[in-house]
Amino acid sequence: MPEFTRPATWEDVKLVARYFNEAGVEYALIGGYALAAHGIMRLTEDIDVLVEPSAANSRRWIVALARLPDGAARELEADPDVFATHKRYAIRVNDDFTVDVLPSAGGHTWDELKGHITEVDIDDVRVRVLDFDGLLKTKQGVRPKDQIDAETIRRAIDLLKRK
């Protein structure tokens, strides 16, 4: 029987944020759920997070994600410096739902994007998320989905400037 994950929900986003906040993870929500946190809705099935890529922070997010229902992130605990050791672009954690953990996004490093982190409240949970300018930087790729997102973000920025 093939294994699969179900699409992530807002409850899942809040759960991941809560676990990250409790563990002191340096992170920011990016991707489709970050756009939605700013009012731009588009279909997405996973949770994308940008993380500060140090070994110490990686240990924190690994422990946090290991708390998810299937404990899929536990296999990463043996080598918590995952980004330095394996030069990975992203870690996909396929648990009950999928979380993609990235040390950089759209060709921009954590250090380049961390100044664009803001916080939003989703129900009772504080979520760290990239602002529109930061999200726009992550959407400069060639994928059609990214180009559509970039145009939508540009329009949102223009509307905010007019207010």
N, C-alpha and C. Protein backbone atom coordinates (compact mmCIF):
# COMPACT_ATOMS: atom_id res chain seq x y z
N MET A 1 0.85 -1.18 0.00
CA MET A 1 0.00 0.00 0.00
C MET A 1 0.90 1.25 0.00
N PRO A 2 0.69 2.17 -0.93
CA PRO A 2 1.54 3.36 -0.98
C PRO A 2 1.28 4.26 0.24
N GLU A 3 2.37 4.88 0.71
CA GLU A 3 2.24 5.83 1.82
C GLU A 3 2.02 7.22 1.26
N PHE A 4 1.26 8.02 1.98
CA PHE A 4 1.03 9.39 1.54
C PHE A 4 0.75 10.23 2.77
N THR A 5 0.84 11.52 2.60
CA THR A 5 0.48 12.45 3.66
C THR A 5 -0.79 13.16 3.23
N ARG A 6 -1.52 13.60 4.19
CA ARG A 6 -2.73 14.36 3.87
C ARG A 6 -2.34 15.83 3.69
N PRO A 7 -3.16 16.61 3.01
CA PRO A 7 -2.87 18.04 2.90
C PRO A 7 -2.86 18.71 4.28
N ALA A 8 -1.95 19.63 4.46
CA ALA A 8 -1.86 20.37 5.72
C ALA A 8 -3.05 21.31 5.85
N THR A 9 -3.41 21.63 7.08
CA THR A 9 -4.51 22.54 7.38
C THR A 9 -3.98 23.70 8.23
N TRP A 10 -4.84 24.68 8.49
CA TRP A 10 -4.46 25.78 9.38
C TRP A 10 -4.18 25.26 10.79
N GLU A 11 -4.89 24.24 11.20
CA GLU A 11 -4.61 23.65 12.52
C GLU A 11 -3.19 23.09 12.56
N ASP A 12 -2.74 22.51 11.46
CA ASP A 12 -1.38 21.99 11.37
C ASP A 12 -0.35 23.12 11.40
N VAL A 13 -0.64 24.20 10.68
CA VAL A 13 0.26 25.37 10.70
C VAL A 13 0.41 25.88 12.12
N LYS A 14 -0.70 26.01 12.82
CA LYS A 14 -0.66 26.49 14.21
C LYS A 14 0.10 25.52 15.11
N LEU A 15 -0.08 24.22 14.89
CA LEU A 15 0.63 23.22 15.69
C LEU A 15 2.13 23.33 15.48
N VAL A 16 2.57 23.41 14.23
CA VAL A 16 4.00 23.54 13.94
C VAL A 16 4.54 24.83 14.55
N ALA A 17 3.83 25.93 14.39
CA ALA A 17 4.27 27.20 14.96
C ALA A 17 4.37 27.10 16.49
N ARG A 18 3.38 26.50 17.10
CA ARG A 18 3.39 26.34 18.56
C ARG A 18 4.61 25.52 19.00
N TYR A 19 4.85 24.39 18.32
CA TYR A 19 6.01 23.56 18.66
C TYR A 19 7.32 24.32 18.44
N PHE A 20 7.42 25.04 17.33
CA PHE A 20 8.63 25.82 17.06
C PHE A 20 8.81 26.91 18.11
N ASN A 21 7.75 27.61 18.45
CA ASN A 21 7.84 28.67 19.45
C ASN A 21 8.28 28.11 20.80
N GLU A 22 7.69 27.00 21.20
CA GLU A 22 8.05 26.38 22.49
C GLU A 22 9.50 25.94 22.51
N ALA A 23 10.02 25.50 21.36
CA ALA A 23 11.40 25.01 21.27
C ALA A 23 12.41 26.13 21.01
N GLY A 24 11.94 27.35 20.77
CA GLY A 24 12.84 28.46 20.49
C GLY A 24 13.47 28.40 19.11
N VAL A 25 12.77 27.83 18.15
CA VAL A 25 13.27 27.71 16.78
C VAL A 25 13.25 29.07 16.10
N GLU A 26 14.34 29.41 15.42
CA GLU A 26 14.40 30.60 14.57
C GLU A 26 13.85 30.17 13.20
N TYR A 27 12.67 30.68 12.86
CA TYR A 27 11.99 30.23 11.64
C TYR A 27 11.12 31.34 11.09
N ALA A 28 10.64 31.13 9.87
CA ALA A 28 9.61 31.96 9.28
C ALA A 28 8.80 31.10 8.32
N LEU A 29 7.50 31.23 8.40
CA LEU A 29 6.61 30.56 7.46
C LEU A 29 6.78 31.23 6.09
N ILE A 30 6.91 30.42 5.06
CA ILE A 30 7.01 30.93 3.69
C ILE A 30 6.03 30.12 2.84
N GLY A 31 5.97 30.37 1.56
CA GLY A 31 5.12 29.57 0.68
C GLY A 31 3.65 29.94 0.78
N GLY A 32 2.81 29.00 0.40
CA GLY A 32 1.38 29.24 0.28
C GLY A 32 0.71 29.66 1.57
N TYR A 33 1.08 29.05 2.68
CA TYR A 33 0.46 29.44 3.95
C TYR A 33 0.92 30.82 4.39
N ALA A 34 2.13 31.22 4.06
CA ALA A 34 2.58 32.58 4.38
C ALA A 34 1.78 33.59 3.57
N LEU A 35 1.56 33.29 2.30
CA LEU A 35 0.72 34.18 1.48
C LEU A 35 -0.67 34.30 2.09
N ALA A 36 -1.24 33.17 2.50
CA ALA A 36 -2.57 33.17 3.08
C ALA A 36 -2.61 33.95 4.40
N ALA A 37 -1.54 33.88 5.18
CA ALA A 37 -1.48 34.64 6.44
C ALA A 37 -1.54 36.14 6.18
N HIS A 38 -1.15 36.55 4.97
CA HIS A 38 -1.22 37.95 4.56
C HIS A 38 -2.47 38.25 3.75
N GLY A 39 -3.36 37.26 3.59
CA GLY A 39 -4.63 37.51 2.90
C GLY A 39 -4.66 37.10 1.44
N ILE A 40 -3.61 36.46 0.94
CA ILE A 40 -3.58 36.00 -0.45
C ILE A 40 -3.80 34.49 -0.45
N MET A 41 -4.94 34.09 -0.94
CA MET A 41 -5.29 32.67 -0.89
C MET A 41 -4.91 31.97 -2.18
N ARG A 42 -4.23 30.85 -2.02
CA ARG A 42 -4.00 29.93 -3.13
C ARG A 42 -3.84 28.53 -2.56
N LEU A 43 -4.12 27.55 -3.36
CA LEU A 43 -4.07 26.17 -2.92
C LEU A 43 -2.64 25.77 -2.57
N THR A 44 -2.48 25.12 -1.44
CA THR A 44 -1.20 24.54 -1.06
C THR A 44 -1.48 23.31 -0.23
N GLU A 45 -0.57 22.36 -0.26
CA GLU A 45 -0.79 21.12 0.48
C GLU A 45 0.23 20.87 1.57
N ASP A 46 1.29 21.68 1.59
CA ASP A 46 2.32 21.46 2.60
C ASP A 46 2.62 22.76 3.34
N ILE A 47 3.44 22.64 4.36
CA ILE A 47 3.86 23.81 5.14
C ILE A 47 5.33 24.03 4.83
N ASP A 48 5.66 25.22 4.35
CA ASP A 48 7.05 25.55 4.03
C ASP A 48 7.59 26.50 5.10
N VAL A 49 8.74 26.14 5.68
CA VAL A 49 9.35 27.01 6.67
C VAL A 49 10.82 27.24 6.34
N LEU A 50 11.21 28.48 6.47
CA LEU A 50 12.60 28.89 6.37
C LEU A 50 13.16 28.83 7.78
N VAL A 51 14.35 28.24 7.95
CA VAL A 51 14.95 28.15 9.27
C VAL A 51 16.38 28.66 9.24
N GLU A 52 16.81 29.20 10.36
CA GLU A 52 18.22 29.55 10.54
C GLU A 52 18.96 28.21 10.54
N PRO A 53 19.98 28.05 9.67
CA PRO A 53 20.53 26.72 9.40
C PRO A 53 21.61 26.19 10.35
N SER A 54 21.86 26.83 11.48
CA SER A 54 22.90 26.33 12.38
C SER A 54 22.53 24.97 12.96
N ALA A 55 23.54 24.26 13.45
CA ALA A 55 23.31 22.96 14.08
C ALA A 55 22.41 23.11 15.30
N ALA A 56 22.63 24.15 16.10
CA ALA A 56 21.82 24.35 17.31
C ALA A 56 20.35 24.56 16.95
N ASN A 57 20.08 25.40 15.96
CA ASN A 57 18.69 25.62 15.57
C ASN A 57 18.10 24.38 14.91
N SER A 58 18.92 23.66 14.14
CA SER A 58 18.43 22.43 13.52
C SER A 58 18.02 21.42 14.58
N ARG A 59 18.81 21.30 15.65
CA ARG A 59 18.41 20.41 16.74
C ARG A 59 17.04 20.79 17.28
N ARG A 60 16.81 22.10 17.43
CA ARG A 60 15.53 22.56 17.98
C ARG A 60 14.36 22.22 17.05
N TRP A 61 14.50 22.50 15.73
CA TRP A 61 13.36 22.22 14.86
C TRP A 61 13.15 20.72 14.67
N ILE A 62 14.21 19.95 14.70
CA ILE A 62 14.07 18.49 14.58
C ILE A 62 13.28 17.95 15.78
N VAL A 63 13.66 18.37 16.99
CA VAL A 63 12.95 17.93 18.19
C VAL A 63 11.49 18.38 18.14
N ALA A 64 11.26 19.62 17.68
CA ALA A 64 9.89 20.13 17.58
C ALA A 64 9.06 19.30 16.61
N LEU A 65 9.60 19.03 15.41
CA LEU A 65 8.85 18.28 14.41
C LEU A 65 8.73 16.79 14.78
N ALA A 66 9.63 16.30 15.60
CA ALA A 66 9.53 14.90 16.05
C ALA A 66 8.30 14.69 16.93
N ARG A 67 7.70 15.78 17.41
CA ARG A 67 6.48 15.69 18.22
C ARG A 67 5.23 15.46 17.36
N LEU A 68 5.33 15.60 16.05
CA LEU A 68 4.18 15.38 15.18
C LEU A 68 3.70 13.93 15.29
N PRO A 69 2.48 13.64 14.87
CA PRO A 69 1.87 12.33 15.13
C PRO A 69 2.68 11.10 14.75
N ASP A 70 3.35 11.12 13.61
CA ASP A 70 4.09 9.93 13.17
C ASP A 70 5.55 9.94 13.62
N GLY A 71 6.04 11.04 14.17
CA GLY A 71 7.43 11.12 14.64
C GLY A 71 8.45 10.98 13.52
N ALA A 72 8.09 11.33 12.30
CA ALA A 72 8.96 11.12 11.14
C ALA A 72 10.30 11.85 11.27
N ALA A 73 10.34 12.99 11.95
CA ALA A 73 11.58 13.75 12.06
C ALA A 73 12.60 13.10 12.99
N ARG A 74 12.18 12.11 13.75
CA ARG A 74 13.11 11.45 14.69
C ARG A 74 14.33 10.88 13.99
N GLU A 75 14.18 10.44 12.75
CA GLU A 75 15.32 9.86 12.04
C GLU A 75 16.43 10.89 11.79
N LEU A 76 16.10 12.17 11.90
CA LEU A 76 17.10 13.23 11.71
C LEU A 76 17.89 13.52 12.98
N GLU A 77 17.44 13.02 14.11
CA GLU A 77 18.09 13.33 15.38
C GLU A 77 19.52 12.83 15.46
N ALA A 78 19.87 11.78 14.72
CA ALA A 78 21.22 11.23 14.75
C ALA A 78 22.26 12.18 14.17
N ASP A 79 21.85 13.05 13.26
CA ASP A 79 22.77 13.99 12.62
C ASP A 79 22.08 15.34 12.50
N PRO A 80 21.98 16.07 13.62
CA PRO A 80 21.18 17.30 13.61
C PRO A 80 21.77 18.46 12.80
N ASP A 81 23.03 18.37 12.37
CA ASP A 81 23.59 19.46 11.55
C ASP A 81 23.33 19.14 10.08
N VAL A 82 22.07 18.89 9.76
CA VAL A 82 21.68 18.36 8.46
C VAL A 82 22.06 19.25 7.28
N PHE A 83 22.05 20.55 7.47
CA PHE A 83 22.35 21.41 6.33
C PHE A 83 23.85 21.50 6.07
N ALA A 84 24.67 21.47 7.09
CA ALA A 84 26.12 21.53 6.90
C ALA A 84 26.67 20.19 6.44
N THR A 85 26.20 19.12 7.06
CA THR A 85 26.73 17.79 6.77
C THR A 85 26.40 17.33 5.36
N HIS A 86 25.19 17.59 4.93
CA HIS A 86 24.74 17.04 3.65
C HIS A 86 24.53 18.08 2.56
N LYS A 87 24.79 19.34 2.85
CA LYS A 87 24.62 20.42 1.87
C LYS A 87 23.25 20.35 1.22
N ARG A 88 22.24 20.18 2.03
CA ARG A 88 20.88 20.03 1.52
C ARG A 88 20.23 21.37 1.25
N TYR A 89 19.42 21.39 0.23
CA TYR A 89 18.63 22.57 -0.11
C TYR A 89 17.38 22.62 0.76
N ALA A 90 16.84 21.45 1.04
CA ALA A 90 15.61 21.38 1.83
C ALA A 90 15.50 20.00 2.46
N ILE A 91 14.77 19.95 3.56
CA ILE A 91 14.45 18.68 4.21
C ILE A 91 12.94 18.54 4.15
N ARG A 92 12.47 17.47 3.59
CA ARG A 92 11.03 17.20 3.54
C ARG A 92 10.70 16.21 4.64
N VAL A 93 9.86 16.64 5.55
CA VAL A 93 9.41 15.79 6.64
C VAL A 93 7.98 15.34 6.30
N ASN A 94 7.86 14.09 5.90
CA ASN A 94 6.55 13.52 5.57
C ASN A 94 6.01 12.80 6.79
N ASP A 95 5.26 13.50 7.56
CA ASP A 95 4.62 12.97 8.76
C ASP A 95 3.15 12.75 8.41
N ASP A 96 2.26 13.06 9.31
CA ASP A 96 0.83 13.00 9.02
C ASP A 96 0.52 13.96 7.86
N PHE A 97 1.23 15.07 7.82
CA PHE A 97 1.21 16.05 6.73
C PHE A 97 2.66 16.39 6.44
N THR A 98 2.91 17.13 5.38
CA THR A 98 4.28 17.41 4.95
C THR A 98 4.72 18.80 5.39
N VAL A 99 5.95 18.85 5.92
CA VAL A 99 6.60 20.11 6.25
C VAL A 99 7.92 20.15 5.49
N ASP A 100 8.11 21.17 4.67
CA ASP A 100 9.39 21.37 3.98
C ASP A 100 10.17 22.41 4.76
N VAL A 101 11.38 22.04 5.17
CA VAL A 101 12.25 22.89 5.98
C VAL A 101 13.42 23.33 5.10
N LEU A 102 13.59 24.65 4.96
CA LEU A 102 14.60 25.18 4.05
C LEU A 102 15.56 26.14 4.76
N PRO A 103 16.86 26.05 4.46
CA PRO A 103 17.83 26.99 5.02
C PRO A 103 17.92 28.28 4.20
N SER A 104 17.34 28.26 3.02
CA SER A 104 17.31 29.43 2.14
C SER A 104 16.08 29.27 1.24
N ALA A 105 15.70 30.37 0.60
CA ALA A 105 14.53 30.30 -0.28
C ALA A 105 14.71 31.26 -1.45
N GLY A 106 14.41 30.78 -2.63
CA GLY A 106 14.51 31.61 -3.82
C GLY A 106 15.91 32.17 -4.04
N GLY A 107 16.92 31.42 -3.62
CA GLY A 107 18.29 31.88 -3.78
C GLY A 107 18.75 32.86 -2.72
N HIS A 108 17.93 33.09 -1.70
CA HIS A 108 18.28 34.02 -0.62
C HIS A 108 18.47 33.26 0.68
N THR A 109 19.54 33.58 1.38
CA THR A 109 19.87 32.90 2.63
C THR A 109 19.01 33.39 3.78
N TRP A 110 19.07 32.66 4.88
CA TRP A 110 18.41 33.07 6.11
C TRP A 110 18.84 34.49 6.48
N ASP A 111 20.14 34.75 6.43
CA ASP A 111 20.64 36.08 6.82
C ASP A 111 20.08 37.18 5.94
N GLU A 112 19.86 36.90 4.66
CA GLU A 112 19.30 37.89 3.75
C GLU A 112 17.80 38.12 3.99
N LEU A 113 17.12 37.10 4.49
CA LEU A 113 15.67 37.18 4.64
C LEU A 113 15.20 37.47 6.06
N LYS A 114 16.05 37.27 7.05
CA LYS A 114 15.57 37.38 8.44
C LYS A 114 15.07 38.77 8.79
N GLY A 115 15.55 39.80 8.12
CA GLY A 115 15.05 41.15 8.36
C GLY A 115 13.63 41.36 7.88
N HIS A 116 13.10 40.39 7.14
CA HIS A 116 11.73 40.48 6.61
C HIS A 116 10.74 39.66 7.44
N ILE A 117 11.19 39.14 8.58
CA ILE A 117 10.29 38.34 9.40
C ILE A 117 9.41 39.25 10.24
N THR A 118 8.14 38.94 10.21
CA THR A 118 7.16 39.63 11.04
C THR A 118 6.35 38.56 11.77
N GLU A 119 5.52 38.97 12.68
CA GLU A 119 4.69 38.01 13.39
C GLU A 119 3.22 38.33 13.19
N VAL A 120 2.43 37.29 13.02
CA VAL A 120 0.99 37.42 12.92
C VAL A 120 0.35 36.48 13.92
N ASP A 121 -0.83 36.84 14.37
CA ASP A 121 -1.58 35.96 15.25
C ASP A 121 -2.60 35.21 14.41
N ILE A 122 -2.56 33.90 14.50
CA ILE A 122 -3.55 33.07 13.86
C ILE A 122 -4.30 32.38 14.99
N ASP A 123 -5.51 32.84 15.21
CA ASP A 123 -6.28 32.45 16.38
C ASP A 123 -5.46 32.81 17.62
N ASP A 124 -5.06 31.84 18.38
CA ASP A 124 -4.32 32.09 19.61
C ASP A 124 -2.83 31.82 19.48
N VAL A 125 -2.33 31.66 18.26
CA VAL A 125 -0.93 31.27 18.05
C VAL A 125 -0.17 32.37 17.32
N ARG A 126 0.98 32.74 17.86
CA ARG A 126 1.87 33.70 17.22
C ARG A 126 2.70 32.93 16.19
N VAL A 127 2.65 33.39 14.93
CA VAL A 127 3.35 32.72 13.83
C VAL A 127 4.32 33.71 13.20
N ARG A 128 5.56 33.28 13.07
CA ARG A 128 6.58 34.09 12.39
C ARG A 128 6.45 33.84 10.89
N VAL A 129 6.39 34.92 10.11
CA VAL A 129 6.14 34.80 8.68
C VAL A 129 6.93 35.88 7.95
N LEU A 130 7.35 35.59 6.73
CA LEU A 130 8.01 36.63 5.94
C LEU A 130 6.98 37.67 5.53
N ASP A 131 7.40 38.94 5.50
CA ASP A 131 6.54 40.01 5.01
C ASP A 131 6.47 39.93 3.48
N PHE A 132 5.66 40.80 2.88
CA PHE A 132 5.49 40.77 1.42
C PHE A 132 6.81 40.95 0.67
N ASP A 133 7.66 41.88 1.13
CA ASP A 133 8.93 42.09 0.42
C ASP A 133 9.80 40.83 0.49
N GLY A 134 9.83 40.18 1.64
CA GLY A 134 10.60 38.95 1.78
C GLY A 134 10.03 37.83 0.93
N LEU A 135 8.70 37.70 0.94
CA LEU A 135 8.07 36.66 0.11
C LEU A 135 8.33 36.91 -1.37
N LEU A 136 8.31 38.18 -1.78
CA LEU A 136 8.59 38.49 -3.18
C LEU A 136 9.99 38.04 -3.57
N LYS A 137 10.95 38.22 -2.68
CA LYS A 137 12.32 37.77 -2.96
C LYS A 137 12.37 36.26 -3.19
N THR A 138 11.53 35.51 -2.49
CA THR A 138 11.56 34.05 -2.63
C THR A 138 10.84 33.57 -3.88
N LYS A 139 10.15 34.47 -4.57
CA LYS A 139 9.32 34.08 -5.71
C LYS A 139 9.87 34.54 -7.06
N GLN A 140 11.18 34.68 -7.17
CA GLN A 140 11.79 35.16 -8.41
C GLN A 140 12.25 34.04 -9.32
N GLY A 141 11.76 32.84 -9.09
CA GLY A 141 12.16 31.68 -9.89
C GLY A 141 11.41 31.58 -11.20
N VAL A 142 11.64 30.48 -11.88
CA VAL A 142 11.04 30.25 -13.20
C VAL A 142 9.77 29.41 -13.14
N ARG A 143 9.46 28.84 -11.98
CA ARG A 143 8.25 28.04 -11.90
C ARG A 143 7.04 28.93 -12.13
N PRO A 144 6.10 28.49 -12.95
CA PRO A 144 4.90 29.30 -13.19
C PRO A 144 4.18 29.69 -11.90
N LYS A 145 4.10 28.78 -10.94
CA LYS A 145 3.45 29.07 -9.67
C LYS A 145 4.14 30.24 -8.96
N ASP A 146 5.47 30.27 -9.00
CA ASP A 146 6.21 31.36 -8.37
C ASP A 146 5.98 32.69 -9.10
N GLN A 147 5.93 32.63 -10.42
CA GLN A 147 5.70 33.85 -11.19
C GLN A 147 4.32 34.43 -10.91
N ILE A 148 3.32 33.57 -10.79
CA ILE A 148 1.97 34.03 -10.46
C ILE A 148 1.95 34.62 -9.06
N ASP A 149 2.60 33.94 -8.10
CA ASP A 149 2.68 34.45 -6.73
C ASP A 149 3.38 35.82 -6.71
N ALA A 150 4.48 35.94 -7.45
CA ALA A 150 5.23 37.20 -7.47
C ALA A 150 4.37 38.35 -7.98
N GLU A 151 3.62 38.11 -9.03
CA GLU A 151 2.75 39.16 -9.57
C GLU A 151 1.66 39.54 -8.56
N THR A 152 1.10 38.56 -7.89
CA THR A 152 0.08 38.83 -6.87
C THR A 152 0.67 39.63 -5.71
N ILE A 153 1.87 39.27 -5.30
CA ILE A 153 2.53 39.99 -4.20
C ILE A 153 2.83 41.43 -4.62
N ARG A 154 3.30 41.63 -5.85
CA ARG A 154 3.58 42.99 -6.34
C ARG A 154 2.31 43.85 -6.29
N ARG A 155 1.20 43.26 -6.71
CA ARG A 155 -0.07 43.99 -6.67
C ARG A 155 -0.47 44.35 -5.24
N ALA A 156 -0.27 43.41 -4.33
CA ALA A 156 -0.59 43.67 -2.92
C ALA A 156 0.28 44.79 -2.36
N ILE A 157 1.56 44.77 -2.69
CA ILE A 157 2.48 45.82 -2.24
C ILE A 157 2.03 47.17 -2.79
N ASP A 158 1.66 47.21 -4.08
CA ASP A 158 1.19 48.47 -4.68
C ASP A 158 -0.07 48.97 -3.98
N LEU A 159 -1.00 48.07 -3.68
CA LEU A 159 -2.23 48.48 -2.98
C LEU A 159 -1.91 49.03 -1.60
N LEU A 160 -0.99 48.41 -0.89
CA LEU A 160 -0.63 48.89 0.44
C LEU A 160 0.05 50.26 0.39
N LYS A 161 0.82 50.50 -0.66
CA LYS A 161 1.50 51.80 -0.81
C LYS A 161 0.49 52.92 -1.06
N ARG A 162 -0.62 52.60 -1.70
CA ARG A 162 -1.63 53.60 -2.01
C ARG A 162 -2.46 54.01 -0.80
N LYS A 163 -2.46 53.19 0.21
CA LYS A 163 -3.28 53.48 1.41
C LYS A 163 -2.69 54.57 2.25
